[in-house]
Amino acid sequence: MKTTVRTVTAALFAAALISQAAFAETKAGLLLPKSGNYAALGEEIDAGVVLALEEAGMADDIRLVREDSEAKPPVGLAKTRKLVLQDNVDVLIGIVSSAVLGAVRNFVDGAGVPLIVANAGNVDATGKDCSASIFRVSFSNAQLNRPMGTWMAGQGIGKVYTLAPDYAAGHQMIEAFISAFEAAGGEVIGSEFTPFGKTQDFGPWLSKVGASEADALYVFYAGGEANSFLSQYRAFGMGETVPLYGPGFITSPLQTAAQGEAAVGIRSALHYIPSLDTPENNSFIAAFTARFKRQPSEYAVQGYDAARVLIEAIRVGASGRAEIAAALPGVRYTGPRGPLQIDPATHNIIQNIYIYETVMSDEGITQKLLDTVENVRDAANGCDLR
């Protein structure tokens, strides 16, 4: 009996040492914009990563090496090469811009370093250009917009005008919405794209919308552009005549404090809203607000889940690039946004999409849940990693 006890104890102790060694050897490159239009998004994702590591007691075991992508493809690629070749990271986390994700795809794939995408929704990255090294725990551009197209048509909205910035994410989001909306019987009577990061006056486009026969306006704008667009939309007095819809970045919880009353009444679709009343989300919000003195947004949840899937992979014994990449598709759990898993066929996330209205309550601006589309996944779109 004593021999057996000693053997079991020794085995457990050895396993603990191996586990601790694996933690100590994990180095994660955090590639996020720290400047430019999407700097606030990068800061929020960073906060989510930090919270997850602290909660798991692994803030000292998973070392973060931070680089600023500036949300620019050439800069993002240069910083990715630096993190992989010079800093020798085991895993990459981050990337806000779809264009940056497209720019780093081939290098990441060739290097065999796992990349956990914490925002960029580039459809092709988990579609025709998928890679065994790329995993997404945020959303795809199509995943957020298809449910909204179907839902809006079901609400009796017949004619829609669309606007979005003229870059990859803008086109992919609007194309997905249009496809679903038209398939459900709706009609798109106008669709235009504004210069990305350069448009200060949305008046010419809003004038066209106002002069059209559209029942609703569907837009994608995020970050600073969301605030500018929404302010001008309200200034044109269009709220009563052409109601505004879109993926929830237009009224992200990160933006509504600055937007104020201008955000009220907008109906959106998103993979997370702070008003979700679940034990997991309530616990997350309490921890985040205690740590950072502000309410979390969907970007914070994306950072939190990006770190958490890495943590879960390490906890099952994964160490180093190849083992982490092999373990990530098996991770699944229920977190702040609800049930989460990575599709083994595409490495895109499978998750709920929440349709909601931004409203004013006694406590301030919040989100009123209107509908839930459960377990939304993307079609393979030419990808099969199983």
Protein backbone atom coordinates (compact mmCIF):
# COMPACT_ATOMS: atom_id res chain seq x y z
CA MET A 1 0.00 0.00 0.00
CA LYS A 2 2.78 2.44 0.92
CA THR A 3 4.53 1.68 -2.35
CA THR A 4 1.31 2.32 -4.27
CA VAL A 5 0.69 5.62 -2.47
CA ARG A 6 4.27 6.73 -3.12
CA THR A 7 3.93 5.79 -6.80
CA VAL A 8 0.66 7.69 -7.23
CA THR A 9 2.02 10.69 -5.34
CA ALA A 10 5.17 10.72 -7.42
CA ALA A 11 3.12 10.51 -10.61
CA LEU A 12 0.89 13.40 -9.57
CA PHE A 13 3.91 15.48 -8.56
CA ALA A 14 5.61 14.75 -11.90
CA ALA A 15 2.43 15.70 -13.77
CA ALA A 16 2.26 18.96 -11.83
CA LEU A 17 5.87 19.74 -12.69
CA ILE A 18 5.21 19.02 -16.37
CA SER A 19 2.11 21.21 -16.27
CA GLN A 20 3.98 24.06 -14.59
CA ALA A 21 6.80 23.73 -17.10
CA ALA A 22 4.32 23.94 -19.95
CA PHE A 23 2.84 27.12 -18.48
CA ALA A 24 6.26 28.67 -17.99
CA GLU A 25 7.29 27.90 -21.57
CA THR A 26 4.22 29.50 -23.20
CA LYS A 27 4.90 32.85 -24.83
CA ALA A 28 2.00 34.62 -26.55
CA GLY A 29 2.34 37.45 -29.05
CA LEU A 30 -0.46 39.98 -28.63
CA LEU A 31 -0.90 41.84 -31.92
CA LEU A 32 -3.43 44.67 -31.60
CA PRO A 33 -3.84 48.27 -32.80
CA LYS A 34 -2.61 50.71 -30.16
CA SER A 35 -3.07 53.75 -32.39
CA GLY A 36 -5.50 54.91 -35.09
CA ASN A 37 -9.25 54.41 -35.55
CA TYR A 38 -9.31 51.01 -33.82
CA ALA A 39 -7.04 51.77 -30.86
CA ALA A 40 -9.93 51.60 -28.38
CA LEU A 41 -10.84 48.16 -29.70
CA GLY A 42 -7.29 46.96 -29.21
CA GLU A 43 -7.23 48.27 -25.64
CA GLU A 44 -10.49 46.48 -24.83
CA ILE A 45 -9.30 43.14 -26.26
CA ASP A 46 -6.06 43.51 -24.30
CA ALA A 47 -8.05 44.02 -21.09
CA GLY A 48 -10.06 40.86 -21.74
CA VAL A 49 -6.89 38.83 -22.25
CA VAL A 50 -5.41 40.15 -19.02
CA LEU A 51 -8.54 39.33 -17.02
CA ALA A 52 -8.68 35.74 -18.29
CA LEU A 53 -5.03 35.13 -17.41
CA GLU A 54 -5.45 36.64 -13.96
CA GLU A 55 -8.59 34.63 -13.22
CA ALA A 56 -6.81 31.42 -14.21
CA GLY A 57 -3.78 32.27 -12.07
CA MET A 58 -1.62 32.17 -15.19
CA ALA A 59 -0.62 35.81 -15.62
CA ASP A 60 3.00 34.84 -14.89
CA ASP A 61 2.88 31.54 -16.80
CA ILE A 62 1.70 32.84 -20.18
CA ARG A 63 4.01 35.71 -21.03
CA LEU A 64 2.58 38.38 -23.32
CA VAL A 65 4.72 40.11 -25.93
CA ARG A 66 2.77 43.11 -27.26
CA GLU A 67 3.09 44.74 -30.68
CA ASP A 68 1.09 47.54 -32.34
CA SER A 69 -0.38 46.53 -35.72
CA GLU A 70 -1.69 50.09 -36.29
CA ALA A 71 -4.53 48.26 -38.17
CA LYS A 72 -2.31 48.53 -41.29
CA PRO A 73 -1.58 45.38 -43.34
CA PRO A 74 2.15 46.05 -44.01
CA VAL A 75 2.75 46.97 -40.36
CA GLY A 76 0.75 43.99 -39.14
CA LEU A 77 2.78 41.59 -41.30
CA ALA A 78 6.10 43.09 -40.17
CA LYS A 79 5.10 42.83 -36.51
CA THR A 80 3.88 39.26 -37.00
CA ARG A 81 7.22 38.27 -38.50
CA LYS A 82 9.00 39.92 -35.59
CA LEU A 83 6.90 38.09 -32.98
CA VAL A 84 7.39 34.71 -34.65
CA LEU A 85 11.00 34.91 -35.86
CA GLN A 86 12.61 37.21 -33.30
CA ASP A 87 10.52 36.75 -30.16
CA ASN A 88 9.83 33.06 -30.93
CA VAL A 89 6.28 33.12 -29.57
CA ASP A 90 4.35 29.87 -29.23
CA VAL A 91 1.02 31.43 -30.22
CA LEU A 92 -0.38 34.67 -31.60
CA ILE A 93 -3.50 36.41 -30.25
CA GLY A 94 -5.28 39.44 -31.65
CA ILE A 95 -5.72 41.17 -35.02
CA VAL A 96 -8.59 43.64 -35.28
CA SER A 97 -8.53 44.48 -39.00
CA SER A 98 -9.72 42.01 -41.64
CA ALA A 99 -7.16 43.48 -44.01
CA VAL A 100 -4.35 42.75 -41.54
CA LEU A 101 -5.60 39.18 -41.13
CA GLY A 102 -5.50 38.73 -44.88
CA ALA A 103 -1.97 40.14 -45.00
CA VAL A 104 -0.55 37.77 -42.35
CA ARG A 105 -2.42 34.63 -43.43
CA ASN A 106 0.27 33.08 -45.65
CA PHE A 107 3.11 33.78 -43.23
CA VAL A 108 1.22 32.33 -40.26
CA ASP A 109 0.24 29.28 -42.28
CA GLY A 110 3.79 28.70 -43.47
CA ALA A 111 5.31 29.21 -40.03
CA GLY A 112 2.87 26.80 -38.41
CA VAL A 113 2.30 29.13 -35.47
CA PRO A 114 -1.28 29.07 -34.11
CA LEU A 115 -3.13 32.37 -34.45
CA ILE A 116 -6.19 32.92 -32.24
CA VAL A 117 -8.14 35.70 -33.96
CA ALA A 118 -9.75 37.98 -31.36
CA ASN A 119 -11.65 40.26 -33.73
CA ALA A 120 -11.02 40.32 -37.50
CA GLY A 121 -14.02 38.78 -39.25
CA ASN A 122 -12.43 38.15 -42.67
CA VAL A 123 -14.68 35.41 -44.09
CA ASP A 124 -11.97 33.89 -46.29
CA ALA A 125 -9.68 33.21 -43.31
CA THR A 126 -12.03 30.43 -42.21
CA GLY A 127 -13.33 29.76 -45.71
CA LYS A 128 -11.45 29.36 -48.98
CA ASP A 129 -8.18 30.60 -47.42
CA CYS A 130 -8.49 28.62 -44.18
CA SER A 131 -5.42 27.30 -42.42
CA ALA A 132 -4.73 24.62 -39.84
CA SER A 133 -2.95 27.38 -37.89
CA ILE A 134 -5.79 29.96 -37.78
CA PHE A 135 -8.60 29.84 -35.20
CA ARG A 136 -11.28 32.49 -34.71
CA VAL A 137 -13.06 33.15 -31.39
CA SER A 138 -14.69 36.45 -32.37
CA PHE A 139 -17.08 36.24 -35.35
CA SER A 140 -17.01 36.09 -39.11
CA ASN A 141 -18.31 39.04 -41.08
CA ALA A 142 -21.00 36.85 -42.61
CA GLN A 143 -21.96 35.18 -39.32
CA LEU A 144 -23.31 38.40 -37.77
CA ASN A 145 -25.19 39.65 -40.80
CA ARG A 146 -26.97 36.63 -42.26
CA PRO A 147 -29.26 36.24 -39.20
CA MET A 148 -30.10 39.94 -39.30
CA GLY A 149 -31.09 39.80 -42.98
CA THR A 150 -33.49 36.94 -42.33
CA TRP A 151 -34.86 38.53 -39.16
CA MET A 152 -35.51 41.96 -40.72
CA ALA A 153 -37.40 40.46 -43.64
CA GLY A 154 -39.45 38.49 -41.13
CA GLN A 155 -40.38 41.75 -39.40
CA GLY A 156 -42.01 42.99 -42.58
CA ILE A 157 -39.23 45.33 -43.70
CA GLY A 158 -39.44 45.31 -47.48
CA LYS A 159 -36.91 47.81 -48.88
CA VAL A 160 -33.47 48.56 -47.44
CA TYR A 161 -30.58 50.88 -48.30
CA THR A 162 -27.06 49.85 -47.16
CA LEU A 163 -23.91 51.79 -46.30
CA ALA A 164 -20.48 50.64 -45.10
CA PRO A 165 -16.80 51.64 -45.33
CA ASP A 166 -15.00 50.62 -48.48
CA TYR A 167 -12.72 47.82 -47.26
CA ALA A 168 -12.84 44.05 -46.85
CA ALA A 169 -15.01 43.88 -43.72
CA GLY A 170 -17.49 46.42 -45.06
CA HIS A 171 -18.02 44.51 -48.28
CA GLN A 172 -18.24 41.09 -46.64
CA MET A 173 -20.75 42.20 -44.00
CA ILE A 174 -23.02 43.95 -46.46
CA GLU A 175 -22.83 41.12 -49.00
CA ALA A 176 -23.86 38.57 -46.34
CA PHE A 177 -26.76 40.75 -45.20
CA ILE A 178 -27.99 41.36 -48.75
CA SER A 179 -27.83 37.67 -49.62
CA ALA A 180 -29.93 36.66 -46.59
CA PHE A 181 -32.33 39.61 -46.85
CA GLU A 182 -33.08 39.01 -50.52
CA ALA A 183 -33.41 35.25 -50.01
CA ALA A 184 -36.07 36.01 -47.39
CA GLY A 185 -38.01 38.22 -49.81
CA GLY A 186 -36.53 41.68 -49.12
CA GLU A 187 -35.28 44.20 -51.68
CA VAL A 188 -32.09 46.29 -51.51
CA ILE A 189 -32.75 49.52 -53.37
CA GLY A 190 -29.33 51.11 -52.86
CA SER A 191 -25.90 50.01 -51.65
CA GLU A 192 -22.86 52.25 -51.36
CA PHE A 193 -19.44 52.27 -49.70
CA THR A 194 -17.79 55.29 -48.10
CA PRO A 195 -14.00 55.86 -48.07
CA PHE A 196 -12.66 53.98 -45.04
CA GLY A 197 -11.13 56.13 -42.33
CA LYS A 198 -11.40 59.26 -44.45
CA THR A 199 -15.10 60.14 -44.49
CA GLN A 200 -15.91 63.01 -42.16
CA ASP A 201 -19.07 64.18 -43.92
CA PHE A 202 -21.66 61.44 -44.45
CA GLY A 203 -24.18 64.00 -45.68
CA PRO A 204 -24.09 63.12 -49.40
CA TRP A 205 -24.87 59.46 -48.65
CA LEU A 206 -27.49 60.23 -46.02
CA SER A 207 -29.21 62.57 -48.48
CA LYS A 208 -29.50 59.73 -50.99
CA VAL A 209 -30.96 57.45 -48.34
CA GLY A 210 -33.47 60.09 -47.28
CA ALA A 211 -34.57 60.64 -50.87
CA SER A 212 -35.02 56.93 -51.49
CA GLU A 213 -38.07 54.82 -50.69
CA ALA A 214 -36.17 52.69 -48.18
CA ASP A 215 -38.06 51.29 -45.19
CA ALA A 216 -34.77 51.01 -43.27
CA LEU A 217 -31.06 51.77 -43.45
CA TYR A 218 -28.60 48.94 -42.75
CA VAL A 219 -25.00 49.95 -42.01
CA PHE A 220 -21.69 48.66 -40.73
CA TYR A 221 -19.48 51.20 -38.97
CA ALA A 222 -17.20 50.68 -35.97
CA GLY A 223 -14.92 52.65 -33.69
CA GLY A 224 -14.65 56.37 -34.30
CA GLU A 225 -16.52 56.10 -37.60
CA ALA A 226 -19.54 54.67 -35.79
CA ASN A 227 -19.76 57.73 -33.56
CA SER A 228 -19.40 60.16 -36.46
CA PHE A 229 -21.94 58.37 -38.61
CA LEU A 230 -24.54 58.03 -35.87
CA SER A 231 -24.22 61.70 -34.88
CA GLN A 232 -24.83 62.81 -38.46
CA TYR A 233 -27.66 60.32 -38.96
CA ARG A 234 -29.44 61.89 -35.99
CA ALA A 235 -28.63 65.41 -37.20
CA PHE A 236 -30.41 64.61 -40.47
CA GLY A 237 -33.50 63.71 -38.45
CA MET A 238 -33.82 60.31 -40.10
CA GLY A 239 -34.67 58.30 -36.98
CA GLU A 240 -38.41 58.58 -37.52
CA THR A 241 -38.44 58.11 -41.29
CA VAL A 242 -35.64 55.60 -42.03
CA PRO A 243 -34.86 53.49 -38.92
CA LEU A 244 -31.29 52.26 -38.52
CA TYR A 245 -30.16 48.62 -38.29
CA GLY A 246 -26.82 46.85 -38.54
CA PRO A 247 -24.29 44.61 -36.85
CA GLY A 248 -23.93 45.80 -33.27
CA PHE A 249 -20.62 47.60 -33.70
CA ILE A 250 -22.58 50.75 -34.58
CA THR A 251 -23.82 50.88 -30.96
CA SER A 252 -21.14 48.82 -29.26
CA PRO A 253 -21.18 49.16 -25.45
CA LEU A 254 -17.70 50.57 -25.96
CA GLN A 255 -19.22 53.49 -27.89
CA THR A 256 -22.60 54.20 -26.30
CA ALA A 257 -21.26 56.36 -23.45
CA ALA A 258 -20.00 58.83 -26.05
CA GLN A 259 -23.05 58.39 -28.30
CA GLY A 260 -25.63 59.00 -25.57
CA GLU A 261 -29.22 59.44 -26.75
CA ALA A 262 -28.12 59.08 -30.37
CA ALA A 263 -27.74 55.33 -29.83
CA VAL A 264 -31.26 54.80 -28.47
CA GLY A 265 -33.65 52.91 -30.73
CA ILE A 266 -31.03 51.35 -33.00
CA ARG A 267 -31.60 47.64 -33.62
CA SER A 268 -28.55 45.47 -34.07
CA ALA A 269 -27.19 41.93 -34.14
CA LEU A 270 -24.14 40.84 -32.17
CA HIS A 271 -22.55 37.79 -30.57
CA TYR A 272 -22.49 39.39 -27.11
CA ILE A 273 -24.40 42.03 -25.17
CA PRO A 274 -23.67 42.98 -21.54
CA SER A 275 -27.36 42.66 -20.58
CA LEU A 276 -27.36 38.86 -21.03
CA ASP A 277 -28.68 37.53 -17.73
CA THR A 278 -26.66 34.34 -17.24
CA PRO A 279 -24.42 33.24 -14.34
CA GLU A 280 -21.37 33.24 -16.60
CA ASN A 281 -21.99 36.74 -17.92
CA ASN A 282 -22.92 38.19 -14.54
CA SER A 283 -19.71 36.80 -13.07
CA PHE A 284 -17.65 38.14 -15.97
CA ILE A 285 -19.14 41.63 -15.75
CA ALA A 286 -18.54 41.78 -12.00
CA ALA A 287 -14.90 40.74 -12.43
CA PHE A 288 -14.26 43.07 -15.39
CA THR A 289 -15.82 46.15 -13.79
CA ALA A 290 -13.95 45.49 -10.54
CA ARG A 291 -10.65 45.19 -12.42
CA PHE A 292 -11.01 47.96 -15.02
CA LYS A 293 -13.72 50.27 -13.56
CA ARG A 294 -15.87 50.16 -16.68
CA GLN A 295 -18.46 47.94 -18.33
CA PRO A 296 -17.07 45.40 -20.82
CA SER A 297 -17.91 45.36 -24.50
CA GLU A 298 -17.97 42.56 -27.05
CA TYR A 299 -14.29 43.30 -27.72
CA ALA A 300 -13.39 42.57 -24.10
CA VAL A 301 -15.25 39.25 -24.32
CA GLN A 302 -13.37 38.39 -27.51
CA GLY A 303 -10.05 39.01 -25.77
CA TYR A 304 -11.21 37.09 -22.71
CA ASP A 305 -12.26 34.08 -24.78
CA ALA A 306 -9.12 34.19 -26.93
CA ALA A 307 -7.02 33.86 -23.80
CA ARG A 308 -9.34 31.31 -22.29
CA VAL A 309 -9.23 28.89 -25.23
CA LEU A 310 -5.44 29.05 -24.98
CA ILE A 311 -5.63 28.37 -21.25
CA GLU A 312 -7.92 25.40 -21.80
CA ALA A 313 -5.56 23.97 -24.44
CA ILE A 314 -2.62 24.27 -22.06
CA ARG A 315 -4.57 22.71 -19.21
CA VAL A 316 -4.99 19.50 -21.21
CA GLY A 317 -1.24 19.34 -21.64
CA ALA A 318 -0.57 21.24 -24.88
CA SER A 319 2.87 22.85 -25.06
CA GLY A 320 4.47 24.52 -28.06
CA ARG A 321 3.04 25.52 -31.40
CA ALA A 322 2.02 22.15 -32.82
CA GLU A 323 0.41 20.84 -29.63
CA ILE A 324 -1.52 24.06 -28.99
CA ALA A 325 -2.82 24.05 -32.57
CA ALA A 326 -3.90 20.41 -32.20
CA ALA A 327 -5.71 21.05 -28.90
CA LEU A 328 -7.66 24.21 -29.81
CA PRO A 329 -10.41 22.58 -31.94
CA GLY A 330 -11.40 20.42 -28.98
CA VAL A 331 -12.04 23.36 -26.65
CA ARG A 332 -15.65 24.10 -25.80
CA TYR A 333 -17.34 25.77 -22.83
CA THR A 334 -20.08 28.21 -21.86
CA GLY A 335 -18.76 31.71 -21.21
CA PRO A 336 -20.05 35.29 -21.01
CA ARG A 337 -21.55 35.19 -24.51
CA GLY A 338 -23.08 31.71 -24.08
CA PRO A 339 -21.99 28.33 -25.48
CA LEU A 340 -18.77 28.48 -27.50
CA GLN A 341 -16.91 25.95 -29.60
CA ILE A 342 -14.55 25.95 -32.56
CA ASP A 343 -15.83 24.28 -35.73
CA PRO A 344 -13.29 21.54 -36.57
CA ALA A 345 -14.07 21.91 -40.27
CA THR A 346 -13.26 25.62 -40.56
CA HIS A 347 -11.77 26.72 -37.22
CA ASN A 348 -14.42 29.44 -37.06
CA ILE A 349 -16.42 29.89 -33.88
CA ILE A 350 -19.91 28.45 -33.41
CA GLN A 351 -22.00 30.75 -31.20
CA ASN A 352 -25.31 32.46 -30.53
CA ILE A 353 -26.21 35.71 -32.29
CA TYR A 354 -28.32 38.17 -30.28
CA ILE A 355 -30.70 40.66 -31.92
CA TYR A 356 -31.32 43.62 -29.64
CA GLU A 357 -32.39 47.24 -29.34
CA THR A 358 -30.34 49.89 -27.58
CA VAL A 359 -32.60 51.48 -24.96
CA MET A 360 -32.44 53.97 -22.10
CA SER A 361 -33.12 52.55 -18.63
CA ASP A 362 -33.01 54.04 -15.13
CA GLU A 363 -29.36 52.93 -14.94
CA GLY A 364 -28.47 54.40 -18.32
CA ILE A 365 -28.06 52.99 -21.82
CA THR A 366 -28.48 49.23 -22.07
CA GLN A 367 -29.53 46.50 -24.51
CA LYS A 368 -33.03 45.01 -24.77
CA LEU A 369 -32.84 41.47 -26.12
CA LEU A 370 -35.32 40.93 -28.97
CA ASP A 371 -34.35 37.51 -30.29
CA THR A 372 -31.63 34.83 -30.11
CA VAL A 373 -30.39 32.81 -33.08
CA GLU A 374 -28.66 29.81 -31.52
CA ASN A 375 -25.49 27.99 -32.54
CA VAL A 376 -24.77 29.95 -35.72
CA ARG A 377 -21.98 28.49 -37.81
CA ASP A 378 -20.55 29.41 -41.19
CA ALA A 379 -20.75 27.14 -44.19
CA ALA A 380 -17.40 25.55 -45.08
CA ASN A 381 -17.03 27.82 -48.12
CA GLY A 382 -14.35 25.59 -49.62
CA CYS A 383 -12.63 24.70 -46.33
CA ASP A 384 -12.41 21.32 -44.59
CA LEU A 385 -9.71 21.00 -41.91
CA ARG A 386 -11.02 17.77 -40.34
